[in-house]
Amino acid sequence: MGGLNRSILAGRLVADPEVRYTQNETAVAHFRLAINRSSSNSAEFINCVAFGGLAKICGEYLKKGKLVAVEGRIQIRSYESKEGVKRSTTEVVIDNMQMLDSKFYNASSKAEEKS
């Protein structure tokens, strides 16, 4: 049996997503979620990354402070910084995202009514 690597998280965006494009023009969105701990007044900050069409949607609709739920797999990757230092990062590679703010739902409901 293979391993199971799934995460479902809900939190608020720390900043607007940063969307870049690879050499073959694939969109890549990076953003961080702040997830409040229920037992204290602190939060966990989780790095998230999305690719392709989902990355474009994240870049267009997600904004700092918005509440979102994401689903994906945890990935640990290594890279070399501009200074030549080896580093590693842990992130959630998302394949599903749901906007949870009521303002989003109100706007989408009004758009559907006009159609």
N, C-alpha and C. Protein backbone atom coordinates (compact mmCIF):
# COMPACT_ATOMS: atom_id res chain seq x y z
N MET A 1 0.83 -1.18 0.00
CA MET A 1 0.00 0.00 0.00
C MET A 1 0.88 1.24 0.00
N GLY A 2 0.51 2.20 -0.84
CA GLY A 2 1.25 3.45 -0.90
C GLY A 2 0.90 4.36 0.25
N GLY A 3 1.68 5.41 0.41
CA GLY A 3 1.43 6.38 1.47
C GLY A 3 0.28 7.30 1.14
N LEU A 4 -0.20 7.98 2.15
CA LEU A 4 -1.29 8.94 1.99
C LEU A 4 -0.76 10.31 2.36
N ASN A 5 -0.84 11.24 1.43
CA ASN A 5 -0.33 12.59 1.64
C ASN A 5 -1.40 13.58 1.19
N ARG A 6 -2.34 13.93 2.07
CA ARG A 6 -3.42 14.88 1.78
C ARG A 6 -3.53 15.85 2.93
N SER A 7 -3.71 17.11 2.61
CA SER A 7 -3.93 18.15 3.61
C SER A 7 -5.12 18.99 3.19
N ILE A 8 -5.96 19.30 4.15
CA ILE A 8 -7.07 20.23 3.94
C ILE A 8 -6.93 21.31 4.99
N LEU A 9 -6.79 22.54 4.54
CA LEU A 9 -6.53 23.66 5.44
C LEU A 9 -7.47 24.81 5.13
N ALA A 10 -7.82 25.57 6.15
CA ALA A 10 -8.61 26.79 5.96
C ALA A 10 -7.95 27.90 6.76
N GLY A 11 -7.74 29.04 6.12
CA GLY A 11 -7.12 30.17 6.78
C GLY A 11 -7.23 31.42 5.94
N ARG A 12 -6.59 32.48 6.42
CA ARG A 12 -6.62 33.76 5.71
C ARG A 12 -5.27 34.02 5.04
N LEU A 13 -5.34 34.64 3.86
CA LEU A 13 -4.12 34.96 3.12
C LEU A 13 -3.33 36.04 3.85
N VAL A 14 -2.03 35.82 3.98
CA VAL A 14 -1.13 36.78 4.62
C VAL A 14 -0.85 37.95 3.67
N ALA A 15 -0.81 37.69 2.38
CA ALA A 15 -0.55 38.71 1.35
C ALA A 15 -1.20 38.24 0.06
N ASP A 16 -1.28 39.12 -0.92
CA ASP A 16 -1.79 38.73 -2.23
C ASP A 16 -0.90 37.64 -2.82
N PRO A 17 -1.47 36.69 -3.55
CA PRO A 17 -0.64 35.66 -4.18
C PRO A 17 0.34 36.28 -5.18
N GLU A 18 1.48 35.65 -5.30
CA GLU A 18 2.49 36.07 -6.28
C GLU A 18 2.45 35.06 -7.42
N VAL A 19 2.11 35.53 -8.61
CA VAL A 19 2.00 34.64 -9.78
C VAL A 19 3.19 34.90 -10.70
N ARG A 20 3.87 33.83 -11.04
CA ARG A 20 4.98 33.87 -11.99
C ARG A 20 4.72 32.83 -13.06
N TYR A 21 5.53 32.86 -14.10
CA TYR A 21 5.38 31.90 -15.19
C TYR A 21 6.70 31.19 -15.41
N THR A 22 6.62 29.87 -15.66
CA THR A 22 7.81 29.09 -15.96
C THR A 22 8.24 29.39 -17.39
N GLN A 23 9.37 28.82 -17.80
CA GLN A 23 9.86 29.04 -19.16
C GLN A 23 8.88 28.54 -20.21
N ASN A 24 8.10 27.49 -19.87
CA ASN A 24 7.11 26.99 -20.84
C ASN A 24 5.73 27.62 -20.59
N GLU A 25 5.71 28.76 -19.91
CA GLU A 25 4.52 29.60 -19.69
C GLU A 25 3.45 28.97 -18.82
N THR A 26 3.84 28.09 -17.90
CA THR A 26 2.91 27.55 -16.91
C THR A 26 2.83 28.52 -15.75
N ALA A 27 1.62 28.92 -15.37
CA ALA A 27 1.43 29.83 -14.24
C ALA A 27 1.72 29.10 -12.93
N VAL A 28 2.40 29.79 -12.01
CA VAL A 28 2.69 29.26 -10.68
C VAL A 28 2.36 30.36 -9.67
N ALA A 29 1.44 30.06 -8.75
CA ALA A 29 1.05 31.03 -7.72
C ALA A 29 1.57 30.57 -6.36
N HIS A 30 2.21 31.49 -5.64
CA HIS A 30 2.68 31.23 -4.29
C HIS A 30 1.95 32.15 -3.34
N PHE A 31 1.48 31.60 -2.21
CA PHE A 31 0.87 32.43 -1.18
C PHE A 31 0.98 31.72 0.16
N ARG A 32 0.74 32.47 1.25
CA ARG A 32 0.80 31.92 2.59
C ARG A 32 -0.55 32.06 3.27
N LEU A 33 -0.91 31.03 4.01
CA LEU A 33 -2.13 31.06 4.81
C LEU A 33 -1.77 31.18 6.28
N ALA A 34 -2.50 32.02 7.00
CA ALA A 34 -2.40 32.10 8.45
C ALA A 34 -3.55 31.29 9.01
N ILE A 35 -3.23 30.29 9.81
CA ILE A 35 -4.25 29.42 10.38
C ILE A 35 -4.16 29.57 11.90
N ASN A 36 -5.22 30.13 12.48
CA ASN A 36 -5.24 30.38 13.92
C ASN A 36 -5.26 29.08 14.70
N ARG A 37 -4.50 29.07 15.78
CA ARG A 37 -4.53 27.94 16.70
C ARG A 37 -5.71 28.15 17.64
N SER A 38 -6.45 27.10 17.91
CA SER A 38 -7.63 27.23 18.76
C SER A 38 -7.25 27.41 20.23
N SER A 39 -6.07 26.94 20.62
CA SER A 39 -5.70 26.97 22.04
C SER A 39 -4.98 28.26 22.46
N SER A 40 -4.62 29.11 21.51
CA SER A 40 -3.89 30.34 21.88
C SER A 40 -4.16 31.43 20.85
N ASN A 41 -3.57 32.57 21.09
CA ASN A 41 -3.74 33.70 20.16
C ASN A 41 -2.64 33.74 19.12
N SER A 42 -2.13 32.59 18.72
CA SER A 42 -1.07 32.55 17.72
C SER A 42 -1.58 31.82 16.47
N ALA A 43 -0.76 31.81 15.45
CA ALA A 43 -1.16 31.20 14.18
C ALA A 43 0.00 30.42 13.58
N GLU A 44 -0.37 29.48 12.74
CA GLU A 44 0.60 28.76 11.90
C GLU A 44 0.58 29.44 10.54
N PHE A 45 1.74 29.57 9.92
CA PHE A 45 1.84 30.17 8.59
C PHE A 45 2.28 29.09 7.61
N ILE A 46 1.41 28.78 6.67
CA ILE A 46 1.63 27.66 5.76
C ILE A 46 1.83 28.18 4.34
N ASN A 47 2.94 27.78 3.71
CA ASN A 47 3.21 28.13 2.31
C ASN A 47 2.38 27.23 1.41
N CYS A 48 1.78 27.84 0.38
CA CYS A 48 0.97 27.10 -0.59
C CYS A 48 1.44 27.46 -2.00
N VAL A 49 1.30 26.51 -2.91
CA VAL A 49 1.66 26.74 -4.31
C VAL A 49 0.61 26.06 -5.20
N ALA A 50 0.23 26.77 -6.27
CA ALA A 50 -0.73 26.23 -7.24
C ALA A 50 -0.13 26.39 -8.63
N PHE A 51 -0.54 25.52 -9.54
CA PHE A 51 -0.02 25.52 -10.91
C PHE A 51 -1.14 25.66 -11.93
N GLY A 52 -0.79 26.14 -13.12
CA GLY A 52 -1.71 26.17 -14.26
C GLY A 52 -2.90 27.08 -14.06
N GLY A 53 -4.07 26.59 -14.48
CA GLY A 53 -5.29 27.37 -14.40
C GLY A 53 -5.66 27.76 -12.98
N LEU A 54 -5.44 26.85 -12.03
CA LEU A 54 -5.73 27.16 -10.63
C LEU A 54 -4.85 28.31 -10.14
N ALA A 55 -3.61 28.36 -10.58
CA ALA A 55 -2.71 29.45 -10.21
C ALA A 55 -3.23 30.78 -10.72
N LYS A 56 -3.74 30.78 -11.95
CA LYS A 56 -4.30 32.02 -12.52
C LYS A 56 -5.52 32.48 -11.73
N ILE A 57 -6.38 31.54 -11.35
CA ILE A 57 -7.57 31.87 -10.55
C ILE A 57 -7.15 32.44 -9.20
N CYS A 58 -6.16 31.81 -8.57
CA CYS A 58 -5.66 32.31 -7.28
C CYS A 58 -5.15 33.74 -7.43
N GLY A 59 -4.39 34.00 -8.48
CA GLY A 59 -3.83 35.33 -8.69
C GLY A 59 -4.90 36.38 -8.95
N GLU A 60 -5.97 35.97 -9.61
CA GLU A 60 -7.02 36.93 -9.96
C GLU A 60 -7.98 37.21 -8.81
N TYR A 61 -8.35 36.18 -8.05
CA TYR A 61 -9.43 36.33 -7.08
C TYR A 61 -8.99 36.40 -5.62
N LEU A 62 -7.86 35.80 -5.28
CA LEU A 62 -7.45 35.80 -3.88
C LEU A 62 -6.71 37.08 -3.53
N LYS A 63 -7.04 37.63 -2.38
CA LYS A 63 -6.42 38.87 -1.91
C LYS A 63 -6.07 38.73 -0.44
N LYS A 64 -5.16 39.53 0.01
CA LYS A 64 -4.73 39.54 1.41
C LYS A 64 -5.95 39.62 2.33
N GLY A 65 -5.96 38.76 3.35
CA GLY A 65 -7.02 38.76 4.34
C GLY A 65 -8.22 37.89 4.00
N LYS A 66 -8.32 37.42 2.76
CA LYS A 66 -9.46 36.59 2.36
C LYS A 66 -9.37 35.20 2.99
N LEU A 67 -10.52 34.65 3.35
CA LEU A 67 -10.61 33.33 3.94
C LEU A 67 -10.76 32.29 2.82
N VAL A 68 -9.88 31.30 2.81
CA VAL A 68 -9.93 30.25 1.79
C VAL A 68 -9.65 28.89 2.41
N ALA A 69 -10.15 27.86 1.74
CA ALA A 69 -9.82 26.48 2.08
C ALA A 69 -9.03 25.91 0.91
N VAL A 70 -8.00 25.16 1.21
CA VAL A 70 -7.19 24.53 0.17
C VAL A 70 -7.04 23.05 0.48
N GLU A 71 -6.88 22.27 -0.57
CA GLU A 71 -6.64 20.83 -0.44
C GLU A 71 -5.48 20.48 -1.35
N GLY A 72 -4.56 19.67 -0.85
CA GLY A 72 -3.43 19.27 -1.66
C GLY A 72 -2.49 18.35 -0.91
N ARG A 73 -1.29 18.26 -1.42
CA ARG A 73 -0.29 17.38 -0.81
C ARG A 73 0.86 18.20 -0.25
N ILE A 74 1.45 17.72 0.81
CA ILE A 74 2.61 18.39 1.40
C ILE A 74 3.85 18.00 0.61
N GLN A 75 4.67 19.00 0.32
CA GLN A 75 5.90 18.77 -0.43
C GLN A 75 7.05 19.46 0.30
N ILE A 76 8.16 18.78 0.40
CA ILE A 76 9.38 19.36 0.94
C ILE A 76 10.38 19.39 -0.19
N ARG A 77 10.89 20.58 -0.50
CA ARG A 77 11.84 20.68 -1.60
C ARG A 77 13.06 21.49 -1.16
N SER A 78 14.15 21.21 -1.81
CA SER A 78 15.41 21.92 -1.55
C SER A 78 15.73 22.83 -2.71
N TYR A 79 16.39 23.92 -2.43
CA TYR A 79 16.81 24.85 -3.47
C TYR A 79 18.04 25.61 -2.97
N GLU A 80 18.66 26.32 -3.89
CA GLU A 80 19.82 27.11 -3.54
C GLU A 80 19.46 28.59 -3.65
N SER A 81 19.73 29.35 -2.59
CA SER A 81 19.40 30.77 -2.57
C SER A 81 20.33 31.54 -3.50
N LYS A 82 19.99 32.79 -3.72
CA LYS A 82 20.83 33.64 -4.57
C LYS A 82 22.24 33.79 -4.02
N GLU A 83 22.37 33.64 -2.70
CA GLU A 83 23.68 33.73 -2.05
C GLU A 83 24.44 32.41 -2.10
N GLY A 84 23.83 31.37 -2.68
CA GLY A 84 24.48 30.07 -2.81
C GLY A 84 24.28 29.17 -1.61
N VAL A 85 23.37 29.52 -0.71
CA VAL A 85 23.11 28.72 0.48
C VAL A 85 22.01 27.71 0.18
N LYS A 86 22.24 26.44 0.56
CA LYS A 86 21.22 25.42 0.35
C LYS A 86 20.13 25.59 1.41
N ARG A 87 18.88 25.58 0.95
CA ARG A 87 17.74 25.74 1.84
C ARG A 87 16.68 24.73 1.48
N SER A 88 15.74 24.55 2.38
CA SER A 88 14.59 23.70 2.08
C SER A 88 13.32 24.41 2.56
N THR A 89 12.22 24.04 1.95
CA THR A 89 10.94 24.62 2.31
C THR A 89 9.87 23.55 2.28
N THR A 90 8.88 23.72 3.12
CA THR A 90 7.73 22.84 3.14
C THR A 90 6.53 23.63 2.66
N GLU A 91 5.76 23.06 1.75
CA GLU A 91 4.61 23.77 1.19
C GLU A 91 3.52 22.77 0.84
N VAL A 92 2.31 23.30 0.68
CA VAL A 92 1.19 22.49 0.23
C VAL A 92 0.98 22.78 -1.25
N VAL A 93 1.11 21.75 -2.08
CA VAL A 93 0.85 21.88 -3.51
C VAL A 93 -0.65 21.64 -3.67
N ILE A 94 -1.39 22.72 -3.93
CA ILE A 94 -2.84 22.60 -3.91
C ILE A 94 -3.40 22.17 -5.26
N ASP A 95 -4.44 21.37 -5.20
CA ASP A 95 -5.15 20.98 -6.42
C ASP A 95 -6.64 21.31 -6.31
N ASN A 96 -7.03 21.90 -5.18
CA ASN A 96 -8.41 22.32 -5.01
C ASN A 96 -8.41 23.52 -4.06
N MET A 97 -9.20 24.54 -4.39
CA MET A 97 -9.26 25.74 -3.58
C MET A 97 -10.70 26.22 -3.55
N GLN A 98 -11.15 26.64 -2.37
CA GLN A 98 -12.51 27.16 -2.23
C GLN A 98 -12.45 28.49 -1.49
N MET A 99 -13.01 29.53 -2.09
CA MET A 99 -13.08 30.84 -1.44
C MET A 99 -14.23 30.82 -0.45
N LEU A 100 -13.98 31.22 0.79
CA LEU A 100 -14.96 31.09 1.85
C LEU A 100 -15.58 32.40 2.31
N ASP A 101 -15.07 33.54 1.87
CA ASP A 101 -15.62 34.82 2.29
C ASP A 101 -17.01 35.02 1.73
N SER A 102 -17.91 35.56 2.53
CA SER A 102 -19.29 35.78 2.09
C SER A 102 -19.37 36.81 0.97
N LYS A 103 -18.44 37.76 0.92
CA LYS A 103 -18.44 38.76 -0.16
C LYS A 103 -18.30 38.08 -1.52
N PHE A 104 -17.48 37.04 -1.59
CA PHE A 104 -17.31 36.31 -2.85
C PHE A 104 -18.62 35.66 -3.26
N TYR A 105 -19.28 35.00 -2.31
CA TYR A 105 -20.53 34.32 -2.63
C TYR A 105 -21.62 35.30 -3.03
N ASN A 106 -21.70 36.44 -2.35
CA ASN A 106 -22.69 37.45 -2.70
C ASN A 106 -22.47 37.97 -4.12
N ALA A 107 -21.21 38.20 -4.48
CA ALA A 107 -20.89 38.70 -5.83
C ALA A 107 -21.22 37.65 -6.88
N SER A 108 -20.90 36.38 -6.62
CA SER A 108 -21.17 35.34 -7.61
C SER A 108 -22.67 35.09 -7.74
N SER A 109 -23.42 35.22 -6.65
CA SER A 109 -24.87 35.03 -6.72
C SER A 109 -25.51 36.12 -7.55
N LYS A 110 -25.05 37.35 -7.39
CA LYS A 110 -25.59 38.46 -8.18
C LYS A 110 -25.26 38.29 -9.67
N ALA A 111 -24.09 37.76 -9.96
CA ALA A 111 -23.70 37.53 -11.36
C ALA A 111 -24.59 36.45 -11.98
N GLU A 112 -24.91 35.41 -11.21
CA GLU A 112 -25.78 34.34 -11.71
C GLU A 112 -27.19 34.84 -11.96
N GLU A 113 -27.66 35.76 -11.09
CA GLU A 113 -29.01 36.31 -11.26
C GLU A 113 -29.13 37.12 -12.54
N LYS A 114 -28.07 37.81 -12.94
CA LYS A 114 -28.07 38.62 -14.15
C LYS A 114 -28.08 37.76 -15.41
N SER A 115 -27.54 36.52 -15.32
CA SER A 115 -27.46 35.66 -16.51
C SER A 115 -28.80 35.17 -16.96
